[in-house]
């Protein structure tokens, strides 16, 4: 019973830590970039690998990296998309 209780506490602590980390590492604009990245990945038929905010030429953009499955058993292709953040 004590082992079960200890595991439950550990699990809850890890869950709370993960939630707090997610809140602090995804500010508002980055969250928008993530949503944009999910849309692009769905359109390309791939998996979202990275979505980040960047400043290029004084303009805020989202840098989206999508992994698209390769053809005929080849490894996935990496596609990078740079789109306006707004």
PDB file of N, CA and C in Angstrom:
ATOM      1  N   UNK A   1       0.831  -1.193   0.000  1.00  0.00           N
ATOM      2  CA  UNK A   1       0.000   0.000   0.000  1.00  0.00           C
ATOM      3  C   UNK A   1       0.874   1.256   0.000  1.00  0.00           C
ATOM      4  N   UNK A   2       1.971   1.249   0.785  1.00  0.00           N
ATOM      5  CA  UNK A   2       2.852   2.414   0.832  1.00  0.00           C
ATOM      6  C   UNK A   2       3.526   2.655  -0.508  1.00  0.00           C
ATOM      7  N   UNK A   3       3.886   1.582  -1.207  1.00  0.00           N
ATOM      8  CA  UNK A   3       4.500   1.710  -2.526  1.00  0.00           C
ATOM      9  C   UNK A   3       3.515   2.353  -3.493  1.00  0.00           C
ATOM     10  N   UNK A   4       2.279   1.916  -3.430  1.00  0.00           N
ATOM     11  CA  UNK A   4       1.241   2.475  -4.305  1.00  0.00           C
ATOM     12  C   UNK A   4       1.052   3.970  -4.026  1.00  0.00           C
ATOM     13  N   UNK A   5       1.017   4.344  -2.773  1.00  0.00           N
ATOM     14  CA  UNK A   5       0.844   5.742  -2.391  1.00  0.00           C
ATOM     15  C   UNK A   5       2.045   6.574  -2.863  1.00  0.00           C
ATOM     16  N   UNK A   6       3.242   6.038  -2.703  1.00  0.00           N
ATOM     17  CA  UNK A   6       4.453   6.742  -3.129  1.00  0.00           C
ATOM     18  C   UNK A   6       4.458   6.927  -4.649  1.00  0.00           C
ATOM     19  N   UNK A   7       4.064   5.896  -5.374  1.00  0.00           N
ATOM     20  CA  UNK A   7       4.003   5.998  -6.830  1.00  0.00           C
ATOM     21  C   UNK A   7       2.954   7.020  -7.271  1.00  0.00           C
ATOM     22  N   UNK A   8       1.832   7.039  -6.575  1.00  0.00           N
ATOM     23  CA  UNK A   8       0.787   8.010  -6.899  1.00  0.00           C
ATOM     24  C   UNK A   8       1.293   9.434  -6.684  1.00  0.00           C
ATOM     25  N   UNK A   9       1.991   9.660  -5.579  1.00  0.00           N
ATOM     26  CA  UNK A   9       2.540  10.989  -5.309  1.00  0.00           C
ATOM     27  C   UNK A   9       3.580  11.369  -6.358  1.00  0.00           C
ATOM     28  N   UNK A  10       4.433  10.422  -6.719  1.00  0.00           N
ATOM     29  CA  UNK A  10       5.458  10.688  -7.738  1.00  0.00           C
ATOM     30  C   UNK A  10       4.814  11.030  -9.070  1.00  0.00           C
ATOM     31  N   UNK A  11       3.795  10.282  -9.435  1.00  0.00           N
ATOM     32  CA  UNK A  11       3.101  10.528 -10.695  1.00  0.00           C
ATOM     33  C   UNK A  11       2.444  11.898 -10.686  1.00  0.00           C
ATOM     34  N   UNK A  12       1.773  12.234  -9.606  1.00  0.00           N
ATOM     35  CA  UNK A  12       1.118  13.539  -9.524  1.00  0.00           C
ATOM     36  C   UNK A  12       2.133  14.674  -9.553  1.00  0.00           C
ATOM     37  N   UNK A  13       3.253  14.494  -8.869  1.00  0.00           N
ATOM     38  CA  UNK A  13       4.301  15.513  -8.882  1.00  0.00           C
ATOM     39  C   UNK A  13       4.857  15.709 -10.283  1.00  0.00           C
ATOM     40  N   UNK A  14       5.093  14.618 -10.994  1.00  0.00           N
ATOM     41  CA  UNK A  14       5.604  14.703 -12.359  1.00  0.00           C
ATOM     42  C   UNK A  14       4.585  15.361 -13.273  1.00  0.00           C
ATOM     43  N   UNK A  15       3.325  15.048 -13.090  1.00  0.00           N
ATOM     44  CA  UNK A  15       2.267  15.639 -13.910  1.00  0.00           C
ATOM     45  C   UNK A  15       2.171  17.144 -13.683  1.00  0.00           C
ATOM     46  N   UNK A  16       2.228  17.571 -12.445  1.00  0.00           N
ATOM     47  CA  UNK A  16       2.180  19.000 -12.126  1.00  0.00           C
ATOM     48  C   UNK A  16       3.414  19.709 -12.676  1.00  0.00           C
ATOM     49  N   UNK A  17       4.576  19.105 -12.534  1.00  0.00           N
ATOM     50  CA  UNK A  17       5.810  19.710 -13.056  1.00  0.00           C
ATOM     51  C   UNK A  17       5.748  19.853 -14.564  1.00  0.00           C
ATOM     52  N   UNK A  18       5.241  18.846 -15.249  1.00  0.00           N
ATOM     53  CA  UNK A  18       5.123  18.908 -16.708  1.00  0.00           C
ATOM     54  C   UNK A  18       4.152  20.002 -17.134  1.00  0.00           C
ATOM     55  N   UNK A  19       3.060  20.132 -16.418  1.00  0.00           N
ATOM     56  CA  UNK A  19       2.078  21.171 -16.751  1.00  0.00           C
ATOM     57  C   UNK A  19       2.671  22.564 -16.543  1.00  0.00           C
ATOM     58  N   UNK A  20       3.387  22.760 -15.448  1.00  0.00           N
ATOM     59  CA  UNK A  20       4.014  24.060 -15.196  1.00  0.00           C
ATOM     60  C   UNK A  20       5.086  24.368 -16.227  1.00  0.00           C
ATOM     61  N   UNK A  21       5.859  23.380 -16.605  1.00  0.00           N
ATOM     62  CA  UNK A  21       6.894  23.566 -17.618  1.00  0.00           C
ATOM     63  C   UNK A  21       6.272  23.948 -18.954  1.00  0.00           C
ATOM     64  N   UNK A  22       5.187  23.298 -19.318  1.00  0.00           N
ATOM     65  CA  UNK A  22       4.516  23.603 -20.577  1.00  0.00           C
ATOM     66  C   UNK A  22       3.979  25.032 -20.578  1.00  0.00           C
ATOM     67  N   UNK A  23       3.445  25.470 -19.471  1.00  0.00           N
ATOM     68  CA  UNK A  23       2.909  26.828 -19.388  1.00  0.00           C
ATOM     69  C   UNK A  23       4.017  27.858 -19.531  1.00  0.00           C
ATOM     70  N   UNK A  24       5.170  27.598 -18.920  1.00  0.00           N
ATOM     71  CA  UNK A  24       6.248  28.573 -18.952  1.00  0.00           C
ATOM     72  C   UNK A  24       7.043  28.554 -20.244  1.00  0.00           C
ATOM     73  N   UNK A  25       7.024  27.468 -20.991  1.00  0.00           N
ATOM     74  CA  UNK A  25       7.818  27.397 -22.216  1.00  0.00           C
ATOM     75  C   UNK A  25       7.017  27.719 -23.460  1.00  0.00           C
ATOM     76  N   UNK A  26       5.708  27.907 -23.345  1.00  0.00           N
ATOM     77  CA  UNK A  26       4.890  28.216 -24.512  1.00  0.00           C
ATOM     78  C   UNK A  26       4.189  29.548 -24.285  1.00  0.00           C
ATOM     79  N   UNK A  27       4.891  30.671 -24.576  1.00  0.00           N
ATOM     80  CA  UNK A  27       4.216  31.953 -24.462  1.00  0.00           C
ATOM     81  C   UNK A  27       3.155  32.091 -25.553  1.00  0.00           C
ATOM     82  N   UNK A  28       2.375  33.157 -25.488  1.00  0.00           N
ATOM     83  CA  UNK A  28       1.252  33.344 -26.400  1.00  0.00           C
ATOM     84  C   UNK A  28       1.599  33.209 -27.867  1.00  0.00           C
ATOM     85  N   UNK A  29       2.631  33.897 -28.327  1.00  0.00           N
ATOM     86  CA  UNK A  29       2.975  33.864 -29.739  1.00  0.00           C
ATOM     87  C   UNK A  29       3.490  32.487 -30.142  1.00  0.00           C
ATOM     88  N   UNK A  30       4.287  31.852 -29.293  1.00  0.00           N
ATOM     89  CA  UNK A  30       4.799  30.519 -29.613  1.00  0.00           C
ATOM     90  C   UNK A  30       3.652  29.522 -29.706  1.00  0.00           C
ATOM     91  N   UNK A  31       2.629  29.702 -28.872  1.00  0.00           N
ATOM     92  CA  UNK A  31       1.463  28.828 -28.941  1.00  0.00           C
ATOM     93  C   UNK A  31       0.776  29.003 -30.291  1.00  0.00           C
ATOM     94  N   UNK A  32       0.718  30.241 -30.793  1.00  0.00           N
ATOM     95  CA  UNK A  32       0.152  30.478 -32.113  1.00  0.00           C
ATOM     96  C   UNK A  32       0.994  29.798 -33.181  1.00  0.00           C
ATOM     97  N   UNK A  33       2.307  29.865 -33.058  1.00  0.00           N
ATOM     98  CA  UNK A  33       3.200  29.202 -34.006  1.00  0.00           C
ATOM     99  C   UNK A  33       2.974  27.696 -33.979  1.00  0.00           C
ATOM    100  N   UNK A  34       2.738  27.158 -32.807  1.00  0.00           N
ATOM    101  CA  UNK A  34       2.478  25.723 -32.701  1.00  0.00           C
ATOM    102  C   UNK A  34       1.195  25.355 -33.449  1.00  0.00           C
ATOM    103  N   UNK A  35       0.151  26.156 -33.287  1.00  0.00           N
ATOM    104  CA  UNK A  35      -1.111  25.895 -33.988  1.00  0.00           C
ATOM    105  C   UNK A  35      -0.921  26.012 -35.504  1.00  0.00           C
ATOM    106  N   UNK A  36      -0.177  27.018 -35.925  1.00  0.00           N
ATOM    107  CA  UNK A  36       0.119  27.179 -37.350  1.00  0.00           C
ATOM    108  C   UNK A  36       0.902  25.969 -37.849  1.00  0.00           C
ATOM    109  N   UNK A  37       1.861  25.518 -37.053  1.00  0.00           N
ATOM    110  CA  UNK A  37       2.660  24.352 -37.414  1.00  0.00           C
ATOM    111  C   UNK A  37       1.829  23.094 -37.553  1.00  0.00           C
ATOM    112  N   UNK A  38       0.862  22.918 -36.676  1.00  0.00           N
ATOM    113  CA  UNK A  38      -0.017  21.752 -36.767  1.00  0.00           C
ATOM    114  C   UNK A  38      -0.814  21.780 -38.071  1.00  0.00           C
ATOM    115  N   UNK A  39      -1.282  22.960 -38.457  1.00  0.00           N
ATOM    116  CA  UNK A  39      -2.039  23.084 -39.705  1.00  0.00           C
ATOM    117  C   UNK A  39      -1.162  22.756 -40.908  1.00  0.00           C
ATOM    118  N   UNK A  40       0.052  23.283 -40.912  1.00  0.00           N
ATOM    119  CA  UNK A  40       0.969  23.031 -42.030  1.00  0.00           C
ATOM    120  C   UNK A  40       1.323  21.553 -42.099  1.00  0.00           C
ATOM    121  N   UNK A  41       1.583  20.931 -40.955  1.00  0.00           N
ATOM    122  CA  UNK A  41       1.919  19.508 -40.930  1.00  0.00           C
ATOM    123  C   UNK A  41       0.764  18.670 -41.472  1.00  0.00           C
ATOM    124  N   UNK A  42      -0.457  19.026 -41.103  1.00  0.00           N
ATOM    125  CA  UNK A  42      -1.625  18.293 -41.596  1.00  0.00           C
ATOM    126  C   UNK A  42      -1.761  18.459 -43.111  1.00  0.00           C
ATOM    127  N   UNK A  43      -1.530  19.661 -43.614  1.00  0.00           N
ATOM    128  CA  UNK A  43      -1.626  19.906 -45.055  1.00  0.00           C
ATOM    129  C   UNK A  43      -0.559  19.124 -45.814  1.00  0.00           C
ATOM    130  N   UNK A  44       0.641  19.027 -45.239  1.00  0.00           N
ATOM    131  CA  UNK A  44       1.752  18.336 -45.898  1.00  0.00           C
ATOM    132  C   UNK A  44       1.708  16.823 -45.682  1.00  0.00           C
ATOM    133  N   UNK A  45       0.830  16.357 -44.798  1.00  0.00           N
ATOM    134  CA  UNK A  45       0.764  14.936 -44.505  1.00  0.00           C
ATOM    135  C   UNK A  45       1.945  14.466 -43.680  1.00  0.00           C
ATOM    136  N   UNK A  46       2.505  15.371 -42.874  1.00  0.00           N
ATOM    137  CA  UNK A  46       3.680  15.039 -42.080  1.00  0.00           C
ATOM    138  C   UNK A  46       3.440  15.204 -40.602  1.00  0.00           C
ATOM    139  N   UNK A  47       4.544  15.240 -39.858  1.00  0.00           N
ATOM    140  CA  UNK A  47       4.520  15.383 -38.405  1.00  0.00           C
ATOM    141  C   UNK A  47       5.244  16.667 -38.026  1.00  0.00           C
ATOM    142  N   UNK A  48       4.634  17.445 -37.155  1.00  0.00           N
ATOM    143  CA  UNK A  48       5.261  18.672 -36.690  1.00  0.00           C
ATOM    144  C   UNK A  48       6.465  18.321 -35.820  1.00  0.00           C
ATOM    145  N   UNK A  49       7.647  18.798 -36.218  1.00  0.00           N
ATOM    146  CA  UNK A  49       8.860  18.524 -35.459  1.00  0.00           C
ATOM    147  C   UNK A  49       9.254  19.711 -34.597  1.00  0.00           C
ATOM    148  N   UNK A  50       8.989  20.931 -35.091  1.00  0.00           N
ATOM    149  CA  UNK A  50       9.388  22.124 -34.348  1.00  0.00           C
ATOM    150  C   UNK A  50       8.555  23.307 -34.801  1.00  0.00           C
ATOM    151  N   UNK A  51       8.186  24.154 -33.865  1.00  0.00           N
ATOM    152  CA  UNK A  51       7.492  25.402 -34.159  1.00  0.00           C
ATOM    153  C   UNK A  51       8.071  26.457 -33.236  1.00  0.00           C
ATOM    154  N   UNK A  52       8.701  27.477 -33.819  1.00  0.00           N
ATOM    155  CA  UNK A  52       9.307  28.505 -32.990  1.00  0.00           C
ATOM    156  C   UNK A  52       9.088  29.879 -33.599  1.00  0.00           C
ATOM    157  N   UNK A  53       9.191  30.867 -32.744  1.00  0.00           N
ATOM    158  CA  UNK A  53       9.040  32.265 -33.155  1.00  0.00           C
ATOM    159  C   UNK A  53      10.425  32.831 -33.430  1.00  0.00           C
ATOM    160  N   UNK A  54      10.514  33.669 -34.482  1.00  0.00           N
ATOM    161  CA  UNK A  54      11.788  34.300 -34.813  1.00  0.00           C
ATOM    162  C   UNK A  54      11.528  35.700 -35.346  1.00  0.00           C
ATOM    163  N   UNK A  55      12.574  36.509 -35.360  1.00  0.00           N
ATOM    164  CA  UNK A  55      12.481  37.856 -35.900  1.00  0.00           C
ATOM    165  C   UNK A  55      13.359  37.911 -37.146  1.00  0.00           C
ATOM    166  N   UNK A  56      12.758  38.119 -38.284  1.00  0.00           N
ATOM    167  CA  UNK A  56      13.494  38.160 -39.547  1.00  0.00           C
ATOM    168  C   UNK A  56      13.164  39.465 -40.258  1.00  0.00           C
ATOM    169  N   UNK A  57      14.182  40.297 -40.436  1.00  0.00           N
ATOM    170  CA  UNK A  57      13.978  41.570 -41.118  1.00  0.00           C
ATOM    171  C   UNK A  57      13.019  42.492 -40.388  1.00  0.00           C
ATOM    172  N   UNK A  58      13.006  42.407 -39.063  1.00  0.00           N
ATOM    173  CA  UNK A  58      12.117  43.253 -38.269  1.00  0.00           C
ATOM    174  C   UNK A  58      10.694  42.738 -38.195  1.00  0.00           C
ATOM    175  N   UNK A  59      10.427  41.600 -38.802  1.00  0.00           N
ATOM    176  CA  UNK A  59       9.078  41.025 -38.792  1.00  0.00           C
ATOM    177  C   UNK A  59       9.083  39.754 -37.945  1.00  0.00           C
ATOM    178  N   UNK A  60       8.051  39.579 -37.138  1.00  0.00           N
ATOM    179  CA  UNK A  60       7.919  38.372 -36.344  1.00  0.00           C
ATOM    180  C   UNK A  60       7.349  37.265 -37.221  1.00  0.00           C
ATOM    181  N   UNK A  61       8.062  36.139 -37.272  1.00  0.00           N
ATOM    182  CA  UNK A  61       7.639  35.005 -38.095  1.00  0.00           C
ATOM    183  C   UNK A  61       7.635  33.733 -37.269  1.00  0.00           C
ATOM    184  N   UNK A  62       6.973  32.727 -37.793  1.00  0.00           N
ATOM    185  CA  UNK A  62       7.000  31.398 -37.210  1.00  0.00           C
ATOM    186  C   UNK A  62       7.863  30.517 -38.110  1.00  0.00           C
ATOM    187  N   UNK A  63       8.812  29.838 -37.516  1.00  0.00           N
ATOM    188  CA  UNK A  63       9.640  28.879 -38.245  1.00  0.00           C
ATOM    189  C   UNK A  63       9.096  27.498 -37.909  1.00  0.00           C
ATOM    190  N   UNK A  64       8.577  26.831 -38.923  1.00  0.00           N
ATOM    191  CA  UNK A  64       7.910  25.545 -38.759  1.00  0.00           C
ATOM    192  C   UNK A  64       8.741  24.471 -39.439  1.00  0.00           C
ATOM    193  N   UNK A  65       9.031  23.390 -38.726  1.00  0.00           N
ATOM    194  CA  UNK A  65       9.748  22.250 -39.298  1.00  0.00           C
ATOM    195  C   UNK A  65       8.806  21.051 -39.270  1.00  0.00           C
ATOM    196  N   UNK A  66       8.611  20.461 -40.459  1.00  0.00           N
ATOM    197  CA  UNK A  66       7.716  19.321 -40.614  1.00  0.00           C
ATOM    198  C   UNK A  66       8.514  18.150 -41.173  1.00  0.00           C
ATOM    199  N   UNK A  67       8.285  16.969 -40.632  1.00  0.00           N
ATOM    200  CA  UNK A  67       8.871  15.748 -41.180  1.00  0.00           C
ATOM    201  C   UNK A  67       7.814  15.044 -42.016  1.00  0.00           C
ATOM    202  N   UNK A  68       8.096  14.945 -43.326  1.00  0.00           N
ATOM    203  CA  UNK A  68       7.162  14.338 -44.269  1.00  0.00           C
ATOM    204  C   UNK A  68       7.680  12.943 -44.608  1.00  0.00           C
ATOM    205  N   UNK A  69       6.821  11.917 -44.540  1.00  0.00           N
ATOM    206  CA  UNK A  69       7.272  10.563 -44.839  1.00  0.00           C
ATOM    207  C   UNK A  69       7.925  10.472 -46.219  1.00  0.00           C
ATOM    208  N   UNK A  70       9.029   9.713 -46.298  1.00  0.00           N
ATOM    209  CA  UNK A  70       9.708   9.512 -47.566  1.00  0.00           C
ATOM    210  C   UNK A  70       8.935   8.539 -48.447  1.00  0.00           C
ATOM    211  N   UNK A  71       9.268   8.546 -49.716  1.00  0.00           N
ATOM    212  CA  UNK A  71       8.611   7.649 -50.667  1.00  0.00           C
ATOM    213  C   UNK A  71       9.408   6.361 -50.778  1.00  0.00           C
ATOM    214  N   UNK A  72       8.726   5.261 -51.030  1.00  0.00           N
ATOM    215  CA  UNK A  72       9.344   3.953 -51.242  1.00  0.00           C
ATOM    216  C   UNK A  72      10.263   3.546 -50.080  1.00  0.00           C
ATOM    217  N   UNK A  73       9.829   3.794 -48.850  1.00  0.00           N
ATOM    218  CA  UNK A  73      10.582   3.360 -47.686  1.00  0.00           C
ATOM    219  C   UNK A  73      11.784   4.209 -47.330  1.00  0.00           C
ATOM    220  N   UNK A  74      11.954   5.345 -48.000  1.00  0.00           N
ATOM    221  CA  UNK A  74      13.076   6.212 -47.674  1.00  0.00           C
ATOM    222  C   UNK A  74      12.785   6.954 -46.380  1.00  0.00           C
ATOM    223  N   UNK A  75      13.831   7.550 -45.806  1.00  0.00           N
ATOM    224  CA  UNK A  75      13.675   8.274 -44.551  1.00  0.00           C
ATOM    225  C   UNK A  75      12.834   9.532 -44.779  1.00  0.00           C
ATOM    226  N   UNK A  76      12.245  10.062 -43.713  1.00  0.00           N
ATOM    227  CA  UNK A  76      11.405  11.262 -43.836  1.00  0.00           C
ATOM    228  C   UNK A  76      12.201  12.468 -44.334  1.00  0.00           C
ATOM    229  N   UNK A  77      11.512  13.328 -45.063  1.00  0.00           N
ATOM    230  CA  UNK A  77      12.113  14.579 -45.530  1.00  0.00           C
ATOM    231  C   UNK A  77      11.824  15.666 -44.506  1.00  0.00           C
ATOM    232  N   UNK A  78      12.781  16.550 -44.310  1.00  0.00           N
ATOM    233  CA  UNK A  78      12.621  17.691 -43.398  1.00  0.00           C
ATOM    234  C   UNK A  78      12.253  18.907 -44.232  1.00  0.00           C
ATOM    235  N   UNK A  79      11.109  19.498 -43.952  1.00  0.00           N
ATOM    236  CA  UNK A  79      10.671  20.702 -44.650  1.00  0.00           C
ATOM    237  C   UNK A  79      10.571  21.846 -43.649  1.00  0.00           C
ATOM    238  N   UNK A  80      11.164  22.972 -43.990  1.00  0.00           N
ATOM    239  CA  UNK A  80      11.101  24.148 -43.127  1.00  0.00           C
ATOM    240  C   UNK A  80      10.254  25.204 -43.809  1.00  0.00           C
ATOM    241  N   UNK A  81       9.282  25.726 -43.078  1.00  0.00           N
ATOM    242  CA  UNK A  81       8.382  26.770 -43.570  1.00  0.00           C
ATOM    243  C   UNK A  81       8.555  27.994 -42.685  1.00  0.00           C
ATOM    244  N   UNK A  82       8.664  29.155 -43.306  1.00  0.00           N
ATOM    245  CA  UNK A  82       8.713  30.419 -42.563  1.00  0.00           C
ATOM    246  C   UNK A  82       7.473  31.205 -42.958  1.00  0.00           C
ATOM    247  N   UNK A  83       6.597  31.459 -41.986  1.00  0.00           N
ATOM    248  CA  UNK A  83       5.332  32.147 -42.248  1.00  0.00           C
ATOM    249  C   UNK A  83       5.159  33.315 -41.265  1.00  0.00           C
ATOM    250  N   UNK A  84       4.412  34.343 -41.659  1.00  0.00           N
ATOM    251  CA  UNK A  84       4.161  35.444 -40.729  1.00  0.00           C
ATOM    252  C   UNK A  84       3.457  34.934 -39.465  1.00  0.00           C
ATOM    253  N   UNK A  85       3.798  35.520 -38.331  1.00  0.00           N
ATOM    254  CA  UNK A  85       3.247  35.058 -37.054  1.00  0.00           C
ATOM    255  C   UNK A  85       1.800  35.508 -36.844  1.00  0.00           C
ATOM    256  N   UNK A  86       1.355  36.511 -37.519  1.00  0.00           N
ATOM    257  CA  UNK A  86      -0.012  36.996 -37.288  1.00  0.00           C
ATOM    258  C   UNK A  86      -0.902  36.506 -38.327  1.00  0.00           C
TER     259      UNK A  86
END
